[in-house]
Amino acid sequence: MNKATESFNQHEKEVEELKLELNKAYEFARSRPHNQETIQQWRLMTNPSENLMGGVLKLWEKSGKLSPAFIKSSRKQIKSAFNAIIELEGGKIRKD
């Protein structure tokens, strides 16, 4: 997210790679049974209409650059959302 203060065009390939990785994580969550809460969190995280990673990436692309203050505020929300996903996954009983 620190790079979002720079031109989006400079980092377009990196953004596309990040979106791909986020979508892979979402699809993995969808493939697991009894995983509705985690799936919902990933939907929120990746949705370009929400205020998490998907929305920030869309805004960066649209605006060209984002302000450091906006990034700082968004980082807190995104970190919290990622932590929620981690907690949901960490709380599951693993059957290996």
PDB file of N, CA and C in Angstrom:
ATOM      1  N   MET A   1       0.816  -1.196   0.000  1.00  0.00           N
ATOM      2  CA  MET A   1       0.000   0.000   0.000  1.00  0.00           C
ATOM      3  C   MET A   1       0.857   1.255   0.000  1.00  0.00           C
ATOM      4  N   ASN A   2       2.069   1.155   0.502  1.00  0.00           N
ATOM      5  CA  ASN A   2       2.937   2.332   0.503  1.00  0.00           C
ATOM      6  C   ASN A   2       3.192   2.853  -0.903  1.00  0.00           C
ATOM      7  N   LYS A   3       3.159   1.982  -1.873  1.00  0.00           N
ATOM      8  CA  LYS A   3       3.421   2.381  -3.253  1.00  0.00           C
ATOM      9  C   LYS A   3       2.264   3.169  -3.858  1.00  0.00           C
ATOM     10  N   ALA A   4       1.127   3.189  -3.207  1.00  0.00           N
ATOM     11  CA  ALA A   4      -0.045   3.883  -3.744  1.00  0.00           C
ATOM     12  C   ALA A   4       0.109   5.399  -3.736  1.00  0.00           C
ATOM     13  N   THR A   5       1.168   5.920  -3.112  1.00  0.00           N
ATOM     14  CA  THR A   5       1.445   7.354  -3.203  1.00  0.00           C
ATOM     15  C   THR A   5       2.134   7.676  -4.530  1.00  0.00           C
ATOM     16  N   GLU A   6       2.544   6.630  -5.238  1.00  0.00           N
ATOM     17  CA  GLU A   6       3.176   6.785  -6.540  1.00  0.00           C
ATOM     18  C   GLU A   6       2.126   6.534  -7.626  1.00  0.00           C
ATOM     19  N   SER A   7       2.498   6.788  -8.848  1.00  0.00           N
ATOM     20  CA  SER A   7       1.587   6.605  -9.969  1.00  0.00           C
ATOM     21  C   SER A   7       1.140   5.148 -10.087  1.00  0.00           C
ATOM     22  N   PHE A   8      -0.158   4.957 -10.245  1.00  0.00           N
ATOM     23  CA  PHE A   8      -0.699   3.612 -10.432  1.00  0.00           C
ATOM     24  C   PHE A   8      -0.050   2.934 -11.629  1.00  0.00           C
ATOM     25  N   ASN A   9       0.152   3.698 -12.693  1.00  0.00           N
ATOM     26  CA  ASN A   9       0.711   3.132 -13.917  1.00  0.00           C
ATOM     27  C   ASN A   9       2.078   2.493 -13.693  1.00  0.00           C
ATOM     28  N   GLN A  10       2.851   3.025 -12.761  1.00  0.00           N
ATOM     29  CA  GLN A  10       4.163   2.458 -12.448  1.00  0.00           C
ATOM     30  C   GLN A  10       4.047   1.068 -11.819  1.00  0.00           C
ATOM     31  N   HIS A  11       2.918   0.787 -11.193  1.00  0.00           N
ATOM     32  CA  HIS A  11       2.756  -0.436 -10.413  1.00  0.00           C
ATOM     33  C   HIS A  11       1.599  -1.310 -10.890  1.00  0.00           C
ATOM     34  N   GLU A  12       1.115  -1.044 -12.082  1.00  0.00           N
ATOM     35  CA  GLU A  12      -0.056  -1.764 -12.575  1.00  0.00           C
ATOM     36  C   GLU A  12       0.160  -3.280 -12.587  1.00  0.00           C
ATOM     37  N   LYS A  13       1.320  -3.735 -13.022  1.00  0.00           N
ATOM     38  CA  LYS A  13       1.594  -5.174 -13.064  1.00  0.00           C
ATOM     39  C   LYS A  13       1.574  -5.769 -11.654  1.00  0.00           C
ATOM     40  N   GLU A  14       2.176  -5.065 -10.699  1.00  0.00           N
ATOM     41  CA  GLU A  14       2.186  -5.538  -9.308  1.00  0.00           C
ATOM     42  C   GLU A  14       0.768  -5.619  -8.742  1.00  0.00           C
ATOM     43  N   VAL A  15      -0.055  -4.639  -9.073  1.00  0.00           N
ATOM     44  CA  VAL A  15      -1.439  -4.623  -8.602  1.00  0.00           C
ATOM     45  C   VAL A  15      -2.194  -5.818  -9.176  1.00  0.00           C
ATOM     46  N   GLU A  16      -2.002  -6.086 -10.447  1.00  0.00           N
ATOM     47  CA  GLU A  16      -2.671  -7.236 -11.065  1.00  0.00           C
ATOM     48  C   GLU A  16      -2.213  -8.543 -10.411  1.00  0.00           C
ATOM     49  N   GLU A  17      -0.942  -8.647 -10.092  1.00  0.00           N
ATOM     50  CA  GLU A  17      -0.437  -9.842  -9.406  1.00  0.00           C
ATOM     51  C   GLU A  17      -1.050  -9.967  -8.013  1.00  0.00           C
ATOM     52  N   LEU A  18      -1.169  -8.847  -7.308  1.00  0.00           N
ATOM     53  CA  LEU A  18      -1.783  -8.862  -5.977  1.00  0.00           C
ATOM     54  C   LEU A  18      -3.245  -9.282  -6.069  1.00  0.00           C
ATOM     55  N   LYS A  19      -3.972  -8.738  -7.031  1.00  0.00           N
ATOM     56  CA  LYS A  19      -5.373  -9.120  -7.211  1.00  0.00           C
ATOM     57  C   LYS A  19      -5.496 -10.608  -7.487  1.00  0.00           C
ATOM     58  N   LEU A  20      -4.593 -11.139  -8.288  1.00  0.00           N
ATOM     59  CA  LEU A  20      -4.594 -12.565  -8.595  1.00  0.00           C
ATOM     60  C   LEU A  20      -4.384 -13.390  -7.327  1.00  0.00           C
ATOM     61  N   GLU A  21      -3.433 -12.989  -6.497  1.00  0.00           N
ATOM     62  CA  GLU A  21      -3.173 -13.707  -5.242  1.00  0.00           C
ATOM     63  C   GLU A  21      -4.370 -13.629  -4.288  1.00  0.00           C
ATOM     64  N   LEU A  22      -4.993 -12.470  -4.219  1.00  0.00           N
ATOM     65  CA  LEU A  22      -6.181 -12.316  -3.376  1.00  0.00           C
ATOM     66  C   LEU A  22      -7.317 -13.199  -3.881  1.00  0.00           C
ATOM     67  N   ASN A  23      -7.490 -13.246  -5.184  1.00  0.00           N
ATOM     68  CA  ASN A  23      -8.544 -14.089  -5.756  1.00  0.00           C
ATOM     69  C   ASN A  23      -8.253 -15.570  -5.553  1.00  0.00           C
ATOM     70  N   LYS A  24      -6.980 -15.954  -5.594  1.00  0.00           N
ATOM     71  CA  LYS A  24      -6.615 -17.345  -5.306  1.00  0.00           C
ATOM     72  C   LYS A  24      -6.992 -17.704  -3.872  1.00  0.00           C
ATOM     73  N   ALA A  25      -6.715 -16.810  -2.938  1.00  0.00           N
ATOM     74  CA  ALA A  25      -7.058 -17.059  -1.535  1.00  0.00           C
ATOM     75  C   ALA A  25      -8.573 -17.174  -1.368  1.00  0.00           C
ATOM     76  N   TYR A  26      -9.303 -16.307  -2.046  1.00  0.00           N
ATOM     77  CA  TYR A  26     -10.767 -16.355  -2.006  1.00  0.00           C
ATOM     78  C   TYR A  26     -11.275 -17.680  -2.564  1.00  0.00           C
ATOM     79  N   GLU A  27     -10.752 -18.092  -3.714  1.00  0.00           N
ATOM     80  CA  GLU A  27     -11.190 -19.350  -4.326  1.00  0.00           C
ATOM     81  C   GLU A  27     -10.831 -20.550  -3.448  1.00  0.00           C
ATOM     82  N   PHE A  28      -9.684 -20.496  -2.799  1.00  0.00           N
ATOM     83  CA  PHE A  28      -9.312 -21.577  -1.878  1.00  0.00           C
ATOM     84  C   PHE A  28     -10.313 -21.650  -0.732  1.00  0.00           C
ATOM     85  N   ALA A  29     -10.665 -20.499  -0.171  1.00  0.00           N
ATOM     86  CA  ALA A  29     -11.642 -20.469   0.923  1.00  0.00           C
ATOM     87  C   ALA A  29     -12.981 -21.036   0.450  1.00  0.00           C
ATOM     88  N   ARG A  30     -13.367 -20.719  -0.783  1.00  0.00           N
ATOM     89  CA  ARG A  30     -14.635 -21.225  -1.327  1.00  0.00           C
ATOM     90  C   ARG A  30     -14.620 -22.738  -1.498  1.00  0.00           C
ATOM     91  N   SER A  31     -13.447 -23.305  -1.696  1.00  0.00           N
ATOM     92  CA  SER A  31     -13.361 -24.748  -1.937  1.00  0.00           C
ATOM     93  C   SER A  31     -13.455 -25.572  -0.653  1.00  0.00           C
ATOM     94  N   ARG A  32     -13.351 -24.919   0.483  1.00  0.00           N
ATOM     95  CA  ARG A  32     -13.381 -25.631   1.751  1.00  0.00           C
ATOM     96  C   ARG A  32     -14.806 -25.710   2.284  1.00  0.00           C
ATOM     97  N   PRO A  33     -15.199 -26.862   2.802  1.00  0.00           N
ATOM     98  CA  PRO A  33     -16.559 -26.997   3.343  1.00  0.00           C
ATOM     99  C   PRO A  33     -16.738 -26.208   4.640  1.00  0.00           C
ATOM    100  N   HIS A  34     -17.966 -25.804   4.904  1.00  0.00           N
ATOM    101  CA  HIS A  34     -18.324 -25.113   6.161  1.00  0.00           C
ATOM    102  C   HIS A  34     -17.437 -23.884   6.385  1.00  0.00           C
ATOM    103  N   ASN A  35     -17.307 -23.069   5.391  1.00  0.00           N
ATOM    104  CA  ASN A  35     -16.372 -21.952   5.449  1.00  0.00           C
ATOM    105  C   ASN A  35     -17.045 -20.625   5.094  1.00  0.00           C
ATOM    106  N   GLN A  36     -18.339 -20.517   5.367  1.00  0.00           N
ATOM    107  CA  GLN A  36     -19.109 -19.350   4.920  1.00  0.00           C
ATOM    108  C   GLN A  36     -18.610 -18.032   5.499  1.00  0.00           C
ATOM    109  N   GLU A  37     -18.226 -18.017   6.760  1.00  0.00           N
ATOM    110  CA  GLU A  37     -17.772 -16.759   7.361  1.00  0.00           C
ATOM    111  C   GLU A  37     -16.480 -16.270   6.720  1.00  0.00           C
ATOM    112  N   THR A  38     -15.564 -17.184   6.488  1.00  0.00           N
ATOM    113  CA  THR A  38     -14.302 -16.809   5.850  1.00  0.00           C
ATOM    114  C   THR A  38     -14.539 -16.365   4.416  1.00  0.00           C
ATOM    115  N   ILE A  39     -15.413 -17.063   3.708  1.00  0.00           N
ATOM    116  CA  ILE A  39     -15.739 -16.682   2.336  1.00  0.00           C
ATOM    117  C   ILE A  39     -16.296 -15.260   2.305  1.00  0.00           C
ATOM    118  N   GLN A  40     -17.177 -14.957   3.223  1.00  0.00           N
ATOM    119  CA  GLN A  40     -17.762 -13.615   3.278  1.00  0.00           C
ATOM    120  C   GLN A  40     -16.689 -12.559   3.547  1.00  0.00           C
ATOM    121  N   GLN A  41     -15.750 -12.857   4.431  1.00  0.00           N
ATOM    122  CA  GLN A  41     -14.665 -11.912   4.706  1.00  0.00           C
ATOM    123  C   GLN A  41     -13.819 -11.678   3.457  1.00  0.00           C
ATOM    124  N   TRP A  42     -13.517 -12.756   2.717  1.00  0.00           N
ATOM    125  CA  TRP A  42     -12.752 -12.598   1.480  1.00  0.00           C
ATOM    126  C   TRP A  42     -13.533 -11.808   0.441  1.00  0.00           C
ATOM    127  N   ARG A  43     -14.855 -11.991   0.378  1.00  0.00           N
ATOM    128  CA  ARG A  43     -15.673 -11.203  -0.556  1.00  0.00           C
ATOM    129  C   ARG A  43     -15.554  -9.717  -0.234  1.00  0.00           C
ATOM    130  N   LEU A  44     -15.649  -9.396   1.036  1.00  0.00           N
ATOM    131  CA  LEU A  44     -15.508  -7.993   1.447  1.00  0.00           C
ATOM    132  C   LEU A  44     -14.115  -7.464   1.136  1.00  0.00           C
ATOM    133  N   MET A  45     -13.103  -8.286   1.392  1.00  0.00           N
ATOM    134  CA  MET A  45     -11.719  -7.862   1.173  1.00  0.00           C
ATOM    135  C   MET A  45     -11.448  -7.548  -0.289  1.00  0.00           C
ATOM    136  N   THR A  46     -11.981  -8.339  -1.189  1.00  0.00           N
ATOM    137  CA  THR A  46     -11.642  -8.200  -2.608  1.00  0.00           C
ATOM    138  C   THR A  46     -12.629  -7.367  -3.414  1.00  0.00           C
ATOM    139  N   ASN A  47     -13.774  -7.055  -2.863  1.00  0.00           N
ATOM    140  CA  ASN A  47     -14.819  -6.333  -3.593  1.00  0.00           C
ATOM    141  C   ASN A  47     -14.376  -4.895  -3.898  1.00  0.00           C
ATOM    142  N   PRO A  48     -14.333  -4.512  -5.164  1.00  0.00           N
ATOM    143  CA  PRO A  48     -13.919  -3.150  -5.502  1.00  0.00           C
ATOM    144  C   PRO A  48     -14.917  -2.076  -5.068  1.00  0.00           C
ATOM    145  N   SER A  49     -16.105  -2.477  -4.646  1.00  0.00           N
ATOM    146  CA  SER A  49     -17.101  -1.516  -4.169  1.00  0.00           C
ATOM    147  C   SER A  49     -17.045  -1.313  -2.657  1.00  0.00           C
ATOM    148  N   GLU A  50     -16.207  -2.073  -1.980  1.00  0.00           N
ATOM    149  CA  GLU A  50     -16.071  -1.954  -0.528  1.00  0.00           C
ATOM    150  C   GLU A  50     -14.846  -1.092  -0.195  1.00  0.00           C
ATOM    151  N   ASN A  51     -14.628  -0.855   1.082  1.00  0.00           N
ATOM    152  CA  ASN A  51     -13.532   0.014   1.523  1.00  0.00           C
ATOM    153  C   ASN A  51     -12.299  -0.757   1.974  1.00  0.00           C
ATOM    154  N   LEU A  52     -12.162  -1.997   1.508  1.00  0.00           N
ATOM    155  CA  LEU A  52     -10.988  -2.779   1.880  1.00  0.00           C
ATOM    156  C   LEU A  52     -10.057  -2.858   0.675  1.00  0.00           C
ATOM    157  N   MET A  53      -9.295  -3.911   0.551  1.00  0.00           N
ATOM    158  CA  MET A  53      -8.248  -3.970  -0.461  1.00  0.00           C
ATOM    159  C   MET A  53      -8.787  -3.755  -1.878  1.00  0.00           C
ATOM    160  N   GLY A  54      -9.854  -4.419  -2.238  1.00  0.00           N
ATOM    161  CA  GLY A  54     -10.404  -4.254  -3.582  1.00  0.00           C
ATOM    162  C   GLY A  54     -10.782  -2.816  -3.885  1.00  0.00           C
ATOM    163  N   GLY A  55     -11.403  -2.152  -2.930  1.00  0.00           N
ATOM    164  CA  GLY A  55     -11.799  -0.761  -3.114  1.00  0.00           C
ATOM    165  C   GLY A  55     -10.627   0.197  -3.176  1.00  0.00           C
ATOM    166  N   VAL A  56      -9.626  -0.055  -2.351  1.00  0.00           N
ATOM    167  CA  VAL A  56      -8.432   0.803  -2.356  1.00  0.00           C
ATOM    168  C   VAL A  56      -7.704   0.676  -3.689  1.00  0.00           C
ATOM    169  N   LEU A  57      -7.570  -0.547  -4.176  1.00  0.00           N
ATOM    170  CA  LEU A  57      -6.895  -0.745  -5.460  1.00  0.00           C
ATOM    171  C   LEU A  57      -7.666  -0.079  -6.599  1.00  0.00           C
ATOM    172  N   LYS A  58      -8.978  -0.170  -6.555  1.00  0.00           N
ATOM    173  CA  LYS A  58      -9.797   0.470  -7.588  1.00  0.00           C
ATOM    174  C   LYS A  58      -9.644   1.996  -7.520  1.00  0.00           C
ATOM    175  N   LEU A  59      -9.676   2.547  -6.308  1.00  0.00           N
ATOM    176  CA  LEU A  59      -9.532   3.993  -6.142  1.00  0.00           C
ATOM    177  C   LEU A  59      -8.157   4.467  -6.609  1.00  0.00           C
ATOM    178  N   TRP A  60      -7.119   3.693  -6.301  1.00  0.00           N
ATOM    179  CA  TRP A  60      -5.770   4.037  -6.745  1.00  0.00           C
ATOM    180  C   TRP A  60      -5.711   4.081  -8.271  1.00  0.00           C
ATOM    181  N   GLU A  61      -6.306   3.075  -8.895  1.00  0.00           N
ATOM    182  CA  GLU A  61      -6.308   3.042 -10.354  1.00  0.00           C
ATOM    183  C   GLU A  61      -7.055   4.252 -10.922  1.00  0.00           C
ATOM    184  N   LYS A  62      -8.196   4.570 -10.334  1.00  0.00           N
ATOM    185  CA  LYS A  62      -9.027   5.685 -10.818  1.00  0.00           C
ATOM    186  C   LYS A  62      -8.350   7.042 -10.572  1.00  0.00           C
ATOM    187  N   SER A  63      -7.747   7.187  -9.395  1.00  0.00           N
ATOM    188  CA  SER A  63      -7.168   8.472  -8.998  1.00  0.00           C
ATOM    189  C   SER A  63      -5.742   8.682  -9.497  1.00  0.00           C
ATOM    190  N   GLY A  64      -5.050   7.601  -9.743  1.00  0.00           N
ATOM    191  CA  GLY A  64      -3.654   7.715 -10.170  1.00  0.00           C
ATOM    192  C   GLY A  64      -2.677   7.629  -9.013  1.00  0.00           C
ATOM    193  N   LYS A  65      -3.012   8.295  -7.910  1.00  0.00           N
ATOM    194  CA  LYS A  65      -2.200   8.281  -6.686  1.00  0.00           C
ATOM    195  C   LYS A  65      -3.139   8.440  -5.497  1.00  0.00           C
ATOM    196  N   LEU A  66      -2.689   7.973  -4.329  1.00  0.00           N
ATOM    197  CA  LEU A  66      -3.459   8.145  -3.095  1.00  0.00           C
ATOM    198  C   LEU A  66      -2.617   8.899  -2.082  1.00  0.00           C
ATOM    199  N   SER A  67      -3.274   9.600  -1.188  1.00  0.00           N
ATOM    200  CA  SER A  67      -2.554  10.392  -0.191  1.00  0.00           C
ATOM    201  C   SER A  67      -2.037   9.499   0.936  1.00  0.00           C
ATOM    202  N   PRO A  68      -0.928   9.889   1.550  1.00  0.00           N
ATOM    203  CA  PRO A  68      -0.406   9.128   2.686  1.00  0.00           C
ATOM    204  C   PRO A  68      -1.425   8.996   3.824  1.00  0.00           C
ATOM    205  N   ALA A  69      -2.207  10.035   4.062  1.00  0.00           N
ATOM    206  CA  ALA A  69      -3.206   9.983   5.137  1.00  0.00           C
ATOM    207  C   ALA A  69      -4.288   8.945   4.823  1.00  0.00           C
ATOM    208  N   PHE A  70      -4.726   8.898   3.581  1.00  0.00           N
ATOM    209  CA  PHE A  70      -5.723   7.915   3.186  1.00  0.00           C
ATOM    210  C   PHE A  70      -5.167   6.507   3.332  1.00  0.00           C
ATOM    211  N   ILE A  71      -3.944   6.307   2.893  1.00  0.00           N
ATOM    212  CA  ILE A  71      -3.310   4.993   2.983  1.00  0.00           C
ATOM    213  C   ILE A  71      -3.183   4.557   4.438  1.00  0.00           C
ATOM    214  N   LYS A  72      -2.787   5.469   5.299  1.00  0.00           N
ATOM    215  CA  LYS A  72      -2.640   5.144   6.714  1.00  0.00           C
ATOM    216  C   LYS A  72      -3.969   4.691   7.306  1.00  0.00           C
ATOM    217  N   SER A  73      -5.026   5.403   7.000  1.00  0.00           N
ATOM    218  CA  SER A  73      -6.354   5.046   7.504  1.00  0.00           C
ATOM    219  C   SER A  73      -6.820   3.713   6.924  1.00  0.00           C
ATOM    220  N   SER A  74      -6.646   3.532   5.628  1.00  0.00           N
ATOM    221  CA  SER A  74      -7.072   2.293   4.971  1.00  0.00           C
ATOM    222  C   SER A  74      -6.288   1.094   5.469  1.00  0.00           C
ATOM    223  N   ARG A  75      -5.008   1.295   5.711  1.00  0.00           N
ATOM    224  CA  ARG A  75      -4.153   0.203   6.178  1.00  0.00           C
ATOM    225  C   ARG A  75      -4.700  -0.387   7.482  1.00  0.00           C
ATOM    226  N   LYS A  76      -5.175   0.457   8.370  1.00  0.00           N
ATOM    227  CA  LYS A  76      -5.726  -0.021   9.645  1.00  0.00           C
ATOM    228  C   LYS A  76      -6.948  -0.906   9.407  1.00  0.00           C
ATOM    229  N   GLN A  77      -7.833  -0.471   8.522  1.00  0.00           N
ATOM    230  CA  GLN A  77      -9.040  -1.252   8.222  1.00  0.00           C
ATOM    231  C   GLN A  77      -8.693  -2.577   7.559  1.00  0.00           C
ATOM    232  N   ILE A  78      -7.791  -2.536   6.616  1.00  0.00           N
ATOM    233  CA  ILE A  78      -7.407  -3.748   5.887  1.00  0.00           C
ATOM    234  C   ILE A  78      -6.685  -4.721   6.806  1.00  0.00           C
ATOM    235  N   LYS A  79      -5.819  -4.205   7.651  1.00  0.00           N
ATOM    236  CA  LYS A  79      -5.116  -5.066   8.615  1.00  0.00           C
ATOM    237  C   LYS A  79      -6.120  -5.763   9.532  1.00  0.00           C
ATOM    238  N   SER A  80      -7.095  -5.023   9.994  1.00  0.00           N
ATOM    239  CA  SER A  80      -8.127  -5.595  10.859  1.00  0.00           C
ATOM    240  C   SER A  80      -8.911  -6.684  10.131  1.00  0.00           C
ATOM    241  N   ALA A  81      -9.226  -6.443   8.868  1.00  0.00           N
ATOM    242  CA  ALA A  81      -9.974  -7.436   8.091  1.00  0.00           C
ATOM    243  C   ALA A  81      -9.141  -8.691   7.844  1.00  0.00           C
ATOM    244  N   PHE A  82      -7.857  -8.517   7.524  1.00  0.00           N
ATOM    245  CA  PHE A  82      -6.989  -9.685   7.365  1.00  0.00           C
ATOM    246  C   PHE A  82      -6.874 -10.453   8.680  1.00  0.00           C
ATOM    247  N   ASN A  83      -6.767  -9.744   9.788  1.00  0.00           N
ATOM    248  CA  ASN A  83      -6.693 -10.408  11.090  1.00  0.00           C
ATOM    249  C   ASN A  83      -7.960 -11.201  11.380  1.00  0.00           C
ATOM    250  N   ALA A  84      -9.101 -10.682  10.965  1.00  0.00           N
ATOM    251  CA  ALA A  84     -10.366 -11.419  11.147  1.00  0.00           C
ATOM    252  C   ALA A  84     -10.339 -12.726  10.366  1.00  0.00           C
ATOM    253  N   ILE A  85      -9.826 -12.682   9.149  1.00  0.00           N
ATOM    254  CA  ILE A  85      -9.718 -13.907   8.343  1.00  0.00           C
ATOM    255  C   ILE A  85      -8.775 -14.893   9.018  1.00  0.00           C
ATOM    256  N   ILE A  86      -7.651 -14.412   9.492  1.00  0.00           N
ATOM    257  CA  ILE A  86      -6.669 -15.267  10.166  1.00  0.00           C
ATOM    258  C   ILE A  86      -7.283 -15.896  11.412  1.00  0.00           C
ATOM    259  N   GLU A  87      -8.015 -15.111  12.182  1.00  0.00           N
ATOM    260  CA  GLU A  87      -8.661 -15.644  13.391  1.00  0.00           C
ATOM    261  C   GLU A  87      -9.705 -16.694  13.050  1.00  0.00           C
ATOM    262  N   LEU A  88     -10.485 -16.453  12.007  1.00  0.00           N
ATOM    263  CA  LEU A  88     -11.480 -17.443  11.600  1.00  0.00           C
ATOM    264  C   LEU A  88     -10.803 -18.761  11.205  1.00  0.00           C
ATOM    265  N   GLU A  89      -9.746 -18.661  10.435  1.00  0.00           N
ATOM    266  CA  GLU A  89      -9.046 -19.871  10.005  1.00  0.00           C
ATOM    267  C   GLU A  89      -8.302 -20.520  11.167  1.00  0.00           C
ATOM    268  N   GLY A  90      -7.722 -19.726  12.029  1.00  0.00           N
ATOM    269  CA  GLY A  90      -6.962 -20.250  13.163  1.00  0.00           C
ATOM    270  C   GLY A  90      -7.848 -20.935  14.193  1.00  0.00           C
ATOM    271  N   GLY A  91      -9.109 -20.575  14.243  1.00  0.00           N
ATOM    272  CA  GLY A  91     -10.020 -21.141  15.221  1.00  0.00           C
ATOM    273  C   GLY A  91     -10.622 -22.466  14.811  1.00  0.00           C
ATOM    274  N   LYS A  92     -10.310 -22.903  13.607  1.00  0.00           N
ATOM    275  CA  LYS A  92     -10.854 -24.166  13.123  1.00  0.00           C
ATOM    276  C   LYS A  92     -10.028 -25.354  13.620  1.00  0.00           C
ATOM    277  N   ILE A  93     -10.707 -26.427  13.873  1.00  0.00           N
ATOM    278  CA  ILE A  93     -10.020 -27.644  14.278  1.00  0.00           C
ATOM    279  C   ILE A  93      -9.549 -28.341  13.008  1.00  0.00           C
ATOM    280  N   ARG A  94      -8.270 -28.618  12.959  1.00  0.00           N
ATOM    281  CA  ARG A  94      -7.674 -29.260  11.788  1.00  0.00           C
ATOM    282  C   ARG A  94      -7.744 -30.770  11.935  1.00  0.00           C
ATOM    283  N   LYS A  95      -8.168 -31.429  10.869  1.00  0.00           N
ATOM    284  CA  LYS A  95      -8.218 -32.879  10.844  1.00  0.00           C
ATOM    285  C   LYS A  95      -7.285 -33.350   9.743  1.00  0.00           C
ATOM    286  N   ASP A  96      -6.067 -33.671  10.110  1.00  0.00           N
ATOM    287  CA  ASP A  96      -5.079 -34.112   9.118  1.00  0.00           C
ATOM    288  C   ASP A  96      -5.065 -35.604   8.986  1.00  0.00           C
TER     289      ASP A  96
END
